[in-house]
Amino acid sequence: MLALAKKRFADFAGFSFVRSDFDSWTPQGEYDAVVSALAIHHIEDSAKLSLYKKIFGEIYKEDKLQHSR
């Protein structure tokens, strides 16, 4: 699946892909999105909470969260 995604987005600049398990993944550098299409709903709720804290903690820390009023 990762190979297919890389192929589909090969013509678009600025895309990078990371293969990792949820427990050991840590945000590296800046990112605009974290996408997991077929996995997060399979992990335990406590693991989801930990993962979401990593993602949103990084967004708020770097003041990257944008919203419209």
PDB file of N, CA and C in Angstrom:
ATOM      1  N   MET A   1       0.798  -1.191   0.000  1.00  0.00           N
ATOM      2  CA  MET A   1       0.000   0.000   0.000  1.00  0.00           C
ATOM      3  C   MET A   1       0.850   1.268   0.000  1.00  0.00           C
ATOM      4  N   LEU A   2       1.914   1.238   0.764  1.00  0.00           N
ATOM      5  CA  LEU A   2       2.793   2.409   0.815  1.00  0.00           C
ATOM      6  C   LEU A   2       3.437   2.647  -0.548  1.00  0.00           C
ATOM      7  N   ALA A   3       3.827   1.584  -1.213  1.00  0.00           N
ATOM      8  CA  ALA A   3       4.419   1.720  -2.556  1.00  0.00           C
ATOM      9  C   ALA A   3       3.422   2.336  -3.529  1.00  0.00           C
ATOM     10  N   LEU A   4       2.163   1.946  -3.426  1.00  0.00           N
ATOM     11  CA  LEU A   4       1.126   2.509  -4.292  1.00  0.00           C
ATOM     12  C   LEU A   4       0.931   3.998  -4.008  1.00  0.00           C
ATOM     13  N   ALA A   5       0.907   4.370  -2.747  1.00  0.00           N
ATOM     14  CA  ALA A   5       0.758   5.785  -2.387  1.00  0.00           C
ATOM     15  C   ALA A   5       1.919   6.606  -2.920  1.00  0.00           C
ATOM     16  N   LYS A   6       3.129   6.094  -2.776  1.00  0.00           N
ATOM     17  CA  LYS A   6       4.302   6.809  -3.286  1.00  0.00           C
ATOM     18  C   LYS A   6       4.211   6.988  -4.798  1.00  0.00           C
ATOM     19  N   LYS A   7       3.741   5.966  -5.476  1.00  0.00           N
ATOM     20  CA  LYS A   7       3.601   6.044  -6.927  1.00  0.00           C
ATOM     21  C   LYS A   7       2.541   7.073  -7.324  1.00  0.00           C
ATOM     22  N   ARG A   8       1.416   7.068  -6.630  1.00  0.00           N
ATOM     23  CA  ARG A   8       0.324   7.998  -6.951  1.00  0.00           C
ATOM     24  C   ARG A   8       0.706   9.449  -6.730  1.00  0.00           C
ATOM     25  N   PHE A   9       1.554   9.711  -5.750  1.00  0.00           N
ATOM     26  CA  PHE A   9       1.919  11.089  -5.413  1.00  0.00           C
ATOM     27  C   PHE A   9       3.307  11.465  -5.903  1.00  0.00           C
ATOM     28  N   ALA A  10       3.886  10.666  -6.760  1.00  0.00           N
ATOM     29  CA  ALA A  10       5.246  10.910  -7.253  1.00  0.00           C
ATOM     30  C   ALA A  10       5.382  12.257  -7.967  1.00  0.00           C
ATOM     31  N   ASP A  11       4.337  12.728  -8.610  1.00  0.00           N
ATOM     32  CA  ASP A  11       4.397  13.989  -9.355  1.00  0.00           C
ATOM     33  C   ASP A  11       4.122  15.222  -8.500  1.00  0.00           C
ATOM     34  N   PHE A  12       3.839  15.030  -7.238  1.00  0.00           N
ATOM     35  CA  PHE A  12       3.528  16.144  -6.344  1.00  0.00           C
ATOM     36  C   PHE A  12       4.710  16.412  -5.421  1.00  0.00           C
ATOM     37  N   ALA A  13       5.141  17.658  -5.384  1.00  0.00           N
ATOM     38  CA  ALA A  13       6.264  18.034  -4.524  1.00  0.00           C
ATOM     39  C   ALA A  13       5.814  18.116  -3.071  1.00  0.00           C
ATOM     40  N   GLY A  14       6.710  17.838  -2.176  1.00  0.00           N
ATOM     41  CA  GLY A  14       6.456  18.055  -0.759  1.00  0.00           C
ATOM     42  C   GLY A  14       5.794  16.909  -0.019  1.00  0.00           C
ATOM     43  N   PHE A  15       5.586  15.779  -0.661  1.00  0.00           N
ATOM     44  CA  PHE A  15       4.996  14.632   0.027  1.00  0.00           C
ATOM     45  C   PHE A  15       6.108  13.752   0.584  1.00  0.00           C
ATOM     46  N   SER A  16       5.903  13.278   1.782  1.00  0.00           N
ATOM     47  CA  SER A  16       6.800  12.270   2.331  1.00  0.00           C
ATOM     48  C   SER A  16       5.952  11.232   3.042  1.00  0.00           C
ATOM     49  N   PHE A  17       6.480  10.063   3.145  1.00  0.00           N
ATOM     50  CA  PHE A  17       5.757   8.954   3.752  1.00  0.00           C
ATOM     51  C   PHE A  17       6.615   8.343   4.846  1.00  0.00           C
ATOM     52  N   VAL A  18       5.978   7.958   5.933  1.00  0.00           N
ATOM     53  CA  VAL A  18       6.681   7.355   7.057  1.00  0.00           C
ATOM     54  C   VAL A  18       6.007   6.039   7.380  1.00  0.00           C
ATOM     55  N   ARG A  19       6.794   5.008   7.470  1.00  0.00           N
ATOM     56  CA  ARG A  19       6.274   3.705   7.887  1.00  0.00           C
ATOM     57  C   ARG A  19       6.721   3.478   9.324  1.00  0.00           C
ATOM     58  N   SER A  20       5.755   3.310  10.214  1.00  0.00           N
ATOM     59  CA  SER A  20       6.069   3.168  11.627  1.00  0.00           C
ATOM     60  C   SER A  20       4.885   2.535  12.347  1.00  0.00           C
ATOM     61  N   ASP A  21       5.153   1.990  13.510  1.00  0.00           N
ATOM     62  CA  ASP A  21       4.025   1.577  14.342  1.00  0.00           C
ATOM     63  C   ASP A  21       3.624   2.770  15.203  1.00  0.00           C
ATOM     64  N   PHE A  22       2.421   2.729  15.721  1.00  0.00           N
ATOM     65  CA  PHE A  22       1.896   3.887  16.450  1.00  0.00           C
ATOM     66  C   PHE A  22       2.647   4.158  17.742  1.00  0.00           C
ATOM     67  N   ASP A  23       3.112   3.112  18.412  1.00  0.00           N
ATOM     68  CA  ASP A  23       3.789   3.300  19.696  1.00  0.00           C
ATOM     69  C   ASP A  23       5.129   4.008  19.556  1.00  0.00           C
ATOM     70  N   SER A  24       5.887   3.659  18.531  1.00  0.00           N
ATOM     71  CA  SER A  24       7.235   4.220  18.418  1.00  0.00           C
ATOM     72  C   SER A  24       7.292   5.475  17.552  1.00  0.00           C
ATOM     73  N   TRP A  25       6.228   5.817  16.842  1.00  0.00           N
ATOM     74  CA  TRP A  25       6.233   6.987  15.966  1.00  0.00           C
ATOM     75  C   TRP A  25       6.306   8.267  16.784  1.00  0.00           C
ATOM     76  N   THR A  26       7.182   9.164  16.350  1.00  0.00           N
ATOM     77  CA  THR A  26       7.235  10.511  16.919  1.00  0.00           C
ATOM     78  C   THR A  26       7.311  11.495  15.757  1.00  0.00           C
ATOM     79  N   PRO A  27       6.641  12.618  15.879  1.00  0.00           N
ATOM     80  CA  PRO A  27       6.687  13.613  14.803  1.00  0.00           C
ATOM     81  C   PRO A  27       8.114  14.087  14.560  1.00  0.00           C
ATOM     82  N   GLN A  28       8.486  14.172  13.305  1.00  0.00           N
ATOM     83  CA  GLN A  28       9.816  14.636  12.911  1.00  0.00           C
ATOM     84  C   GLN A  28       9.652  15.799  11.943  1.00  0.00           C
ATOM     85  N   GLY A  29      10.024  16.980  12.342  1.00  0.00           N
ATOM     86  CA  GLY A  29       9.911  18.135  11.475  1.00  0.00           C
ATOM     87  C   GLY A  29       8.472  18.603  11.345  1.00  0.00           C
ATOM     88  N   GLU A  30       8.214  19.368  10.306  1.00  0.00           N
ATOM     89  CA  GLU A  30       6.877  19.908  10.090  1.00  0.00           C
ATOM     90  C   GLU A  30       6.054  18.967   9.227  1.00  0.00           C
ATOM     91  N   TYR A  31       4.770  19.008   9.432  1.00  0.00           N
ATOM     92  CA  TYR A  31       3.856  18.235   8.597  1.00  0.00           C
ATOM     93  C   TYR A  31       2.528  18.960   8.515  1.00  0.00           C
ATOM     94  N   ASP A  32       1.815  18.712   7.452  1.00  0.00           N
ATOM     95  CA  ASP A  32       0.507  19.313   7.256  1.00  0.00           C
ATOM     96  C   ASP A  32      -0.619  18.344   7.571  1.00  0.00           C
ATOM     97  N   ALA A  33      -0.326  17.059   7.504  1.00  0.00           N
ATOM     98  CA  ALA A  33      -1.357  16.058   7.749  1.00  0.00           C
ATOM     99  C   ALA A  33      -0.722  14.756   8.197  1.00  0.00           C
ATOM    100  N   VAL A  34      -1.450  14.036   8.995  1.00  0.00           N
ATOM    101  CA  VAL A  34      -1.097  12.674   9.371  1.00  0.00           C
ATOM    102  C   VAL A  34      -2.275  11.833   8.930  1.00  0.00           C
ATOM    103  N   VAL A  35      -2.016  10.856   8.073  1.00  0.00           N
ATOM    104  CA  VAL A  35      -3.098  10.073   7.493  1.00  0.00           C
ATOM    105  C   VAL A  35      -2.893   8.596   7.787  1.00  0.00           C
ATOM    106  N   SER A  36      -3.932   7.976   8.266  1.00  0.00           N
ATOM    107  CA  SER A  36      -3.954   6.530   8.434  1.00  0.00           C
ATOM    108  C   SER A  36      -5.337   6.083   8.023  1.00  0.00           C
ATOM    109  N   ALA A  37      -5.422   5.389   6.913  1.00  0.00           N
ATOM    110  CA  ALA A  37      -6.731   5.045   6.359  1.00  0.00           C
ATOM    111  C   ALA A  37      -7.303   3.746   6.907  1.00  0.00           C
ATOM    112  N   LEU A  38      -6.457   2.826   7.287  1.00  0.00           N
ATOM    113  CA  LEU A  38      -6.964   1.485   7.592  1.00  0.00           C
ATOM    114  C   LEU A  38      -6.434   0.891   8.886  1.00  0.00           C
ATOM    115  N   ALA A  39      -6.014   1.716   9.830  1.00  0.00           N
ATOM    116  CA  ALA A  39      -5.379   1.119  10.991  1.00  0.00           C
ATOM    117  C   ALA A  39      -5.835   1.646  12.348  1.00  0.00           C
ATOM    118  N   ILE A  40      -6.008   2.945  12.492  1.00  0.00           N
ATOM    119  CA  ILE A  40      -6.243   3.512  13.820  1.00  0.00           C
ATOM    120  C   ILE A  40      -7.462   2.898  14.507  1.00  0.00           C
ATOM    121  N   HIS A  41      -8.494   2.616  13.775  1.00  0.00           N
ATOM    122  CA  HIS A  41      -9.697   2.075  14.402  1.00  0.00           C
ATOM    123  C   HIS A  41      -9.488   0.673  14.966  1.00  0.00           C
ATOM    124  N   HIS A  42      -8.382   0.024  14.667  1.00  0.00           N
ATOM    125  CA  HIS A  42      -8.101  -1.317  15.173  1.00  0.00           C
ATOM    126  C   HIS A  42      -7.351  -1.319  16.500  1.00  0.00           C
ATOM    127  N   ILE A  43      -6.778  -0.193  16.902  1.00  0.00           N
ATOM    128  CA  ILE A  43      -5.988  -0.185  18.133  1.00  0.00           C
ATOM    129  C   ILE A  43      -6.870   0.156  19.330  1.00  0.00           C
ATOM    130  N   GLU A  44      -6.383  -0.210  20.501  1.00  0.00           N
ATOM    131  CA  GLU A  44      -7.118   0.045  21.740  1.00  0.00           C
ATOM    132  C   GLU A  44      -7.316   1.542  21.964  1.00  0.00           C
ATOM    133  N   ASP A  45      -8.366   1.887  22.677  1.00  0.00           N
ATOM    134  CA  ASP A  45      -8.670   3.293  22.925  1.00  0.00           C
ATOM    135  C   ASP A  45      -7.516   4.035  23.590  1.00  0.00           C
ATOM    136  N   SER A  46      -6.843   3.395  24.535  1.00  0.00           N
ATOM    137  CA  SER A  46      -5.722   4.067  25.217  1.00  0.00           C
ATOM    138  C   SER A  46      -4.589   4.357  24.239  1.00  0.00           C
ATOM    139  N   ALA A  47      -4.355   3.461  23.295  1.00  0.00           N
ATOM    140  CA  ALA A  47      -3.322   3.691  22.285  1.00  0.00           C
ATOM    141  C   ALA A  47      -3.743   4.807  21.326  1.00  0.00           C
ATOM    142  N   LYS A  48      -5.035   4.865  21.000  1.00  0.00           N
ATOM    143  CA  LYS A  48      -5.531   5.965  20.162  1.00  0.00           C
ATOM    144  C   LYS A  48      -5.302   7.299  20.850  1.00  0.00           C
ATOM    145  N   LEU A  49      -5.630   7.354  22.126  1.00  0.00           N
ATOM    146  CA  LEU A  49      -5.464   8.592  22.885  1.00  0.00           C
ATOM    147  C   LEU A  49      -4.001   9.030  22.892  1.00  0.00           C
ATOM    148  N   SER A  50      -3.103   8.100  23.103  1.00  0.00           N
ATOM    149  CA  SER A  50      -1.673   8.410  23.093  1.00  0.00           C
ATOM    150  C   SER A  50      -1.234   8.932  21.731  1.00  0.00           C
ATOM    151  N   LEU A  51      -1.686   8.293  20.682  1.00  0.00           N
ATOM    152  CA  LEU A  51      -1.343   8.715  19.321  1.00  0.00           C
ATOM    153  C   LEU A  51      -1.879  10.108  19.029  1.00  0.00           C
ATOM    154  N   TYR A  52      -3.140  10.347  19.348  1.00  0.00           N
ATOM    155  CA  TYR A  52      -3.735  11.656  19.092  1.00  0.00           C
ATOM    156  C   TYR A  52      -3.041  12.756  19.896  1.00  0.00           C
ATOM    157  N   LYS A  53      -2.616  12.441  21.109  1.00  0.00           N
ATOM    158  CA  LYS A  53      -1.882  13.429  21.907  1.00  0.00           C
ATOM    159  C   LYS A  53      -0.564  13.797  21.242  1.00  0.00           C
ATOM    160  N   LYS A  54       0.123  12.804  20.663  1.00  0.00           N
ATOM    161  CA  LYS A  54       1.370  13.095  19.953  1.00  0.00           C
ATOM    162  C   LYS A  54       1.109  14.007  18.763  1.00  0.00           C
ATOM    163  N   ILE A  55       0.091  13.685  17.982  1.00  0.00           N
ATOM    164  CA  ILE A  55      -0.217  14.461  16.781  1.00  0.00           C
ATOM    165  C   ILE A  55      -0.633  15.880  17.144  1.00  0.00           C
ATOM    166  N   PHE A  56      -1.634  16.017  17.999  1.00  0.00           N
ATOM    167  CA  PHE A  56      -2.151  17.341  18.321  1.00  0.00           C
ATOM    168  C   PHE A  56      -1.195  18.139  19.193  1.00  0.00           C
ATOM    169  N   GLY A  57      -0.428  17.471  20.037  1.00  0.00           N
ATOM    170  CA  GLY A  57       0.570  18.168  20.840  1.00  0.00           C
ATOM    171  C   GLY A  57       1.602  18.849  19.970  1.00  0.00           C
ATOM    172  N   GLU A  58       2.002  18.183  18.900  1.00  0.00           N
ATOM    173  CA  GLU A  58       2.966  18.764  17.971  1.00  0.00           C
ATOM    174  C   GLU A  58       2.355  19.937  17.217  1.00  0.00           C
ATOM    175  N   ILE A  59       1.118  19.813  16.812  1.00  0.00           N
ATOM    176  CA  ILE A  59       0.452  20.898  16.090  1.00  0.00           C
ATOM    177  C   ILE A  59       0.361  22.143  16.973  1.00  0.00           C
ATOM    178  N   TYR A  60      -0.089  21.974  18.216  1.00  0.00           N
ATOM    179  CA  TYR A  60      -0.218  23.131  19.093  1.00  0.00           C
ATOM    180  C   TYR A  60       1.136  23.692  19.497  1.00  0.00           C
ATOM    181  N   LYS A  61       2.115  22.847  19.711  1.00  0.00           N
ATOM    182  CA  LYS A  61       3.444  23.297  20.117  1.00  0.00           C
ATOM    183  C   LYS A  61       4.061  24.207  19.064  1.00  0.00           C
ATOM    184  N   GLU A  62       3.882  23.861  17.833  1.00  0.00           N
ATOM    185  CA  GLU A  62       4.459  24.635  16.735  1.00  0.00           C
ATOM    186  C   GLU A  62       3.502  25.699  16.210  1.00  0.00           C
ATOM    187  N   ASP A  63       2.343  25.845  16.831  1.00  0.00           N
ATOM    188  CA  ASP A  63       1.336  26.819  16.414  1.00  0.00           C
ATOM    189  C   ASP A  63       0.959  26.626  14.945  1.00  0.00           C
ATOM    190  N   LYS A  64       0.773  25.379  14.550  1.00  0.00           N
ATOM    191  CA  LYS A  64       0.448  25.061  13.163  1.00  0.00           C
ATOM    192  C   LYS A  64      -1.047  24.904  12.934  1.00  0.00           C
ATOM    193  N   LEU A  65      -1.804  24.849  14.002  1.00  0.00           N
ATOM    194  CA  LEU A  65      -3.240  24.648  13.847  1.00  0.00           C
ATOM    195  C   LEU A  65      -3.870  25.934  13.328  1.00  0.00           C
ATOM    196  N   GLN A  66      -4.573  25.823  12.240  1.00  0.00           N
ATOM    197  CA  GLN A  66      -5.239  26.985  11.674  1.00  0.00           C
ATOM    198  C   GLN A  66      -6.732  26.696  11.594  1.00  0.00           C
ATOM    199  N   HIS A  67      -7.500  27.715  11.797  1.00  0.00           N
ATOM    200  CA  HIS A  67      -8.953  27.574  11.686  1.00  0.00           C
ATOM    201  C   HIS A  67      -9.531  28.876  11.171  1.00  0.00           C
ATOM    202  N   SER A  68     -10.706  28.784  10.626  1.00  0.00           N
ATOM    203  CA  SER A  68     -11.379  30.002  10.165  1.00  0.00           C
ATOM    204  C   SER A  68     -12.495  30.329  11.153  1.00  0.00           C
ATOM    205  N   ARG A  69     -12.810  31.586  11.259  1.00  0.00           N
ATOM    206  CA  ARG A  69     -13.880  31.998  12.189  1.00  0.00           C
ATOM    207  C   ARG A  69     -15.150  32.261  11.449  1.00  0.00           C
TER     208      ARG A  69
END
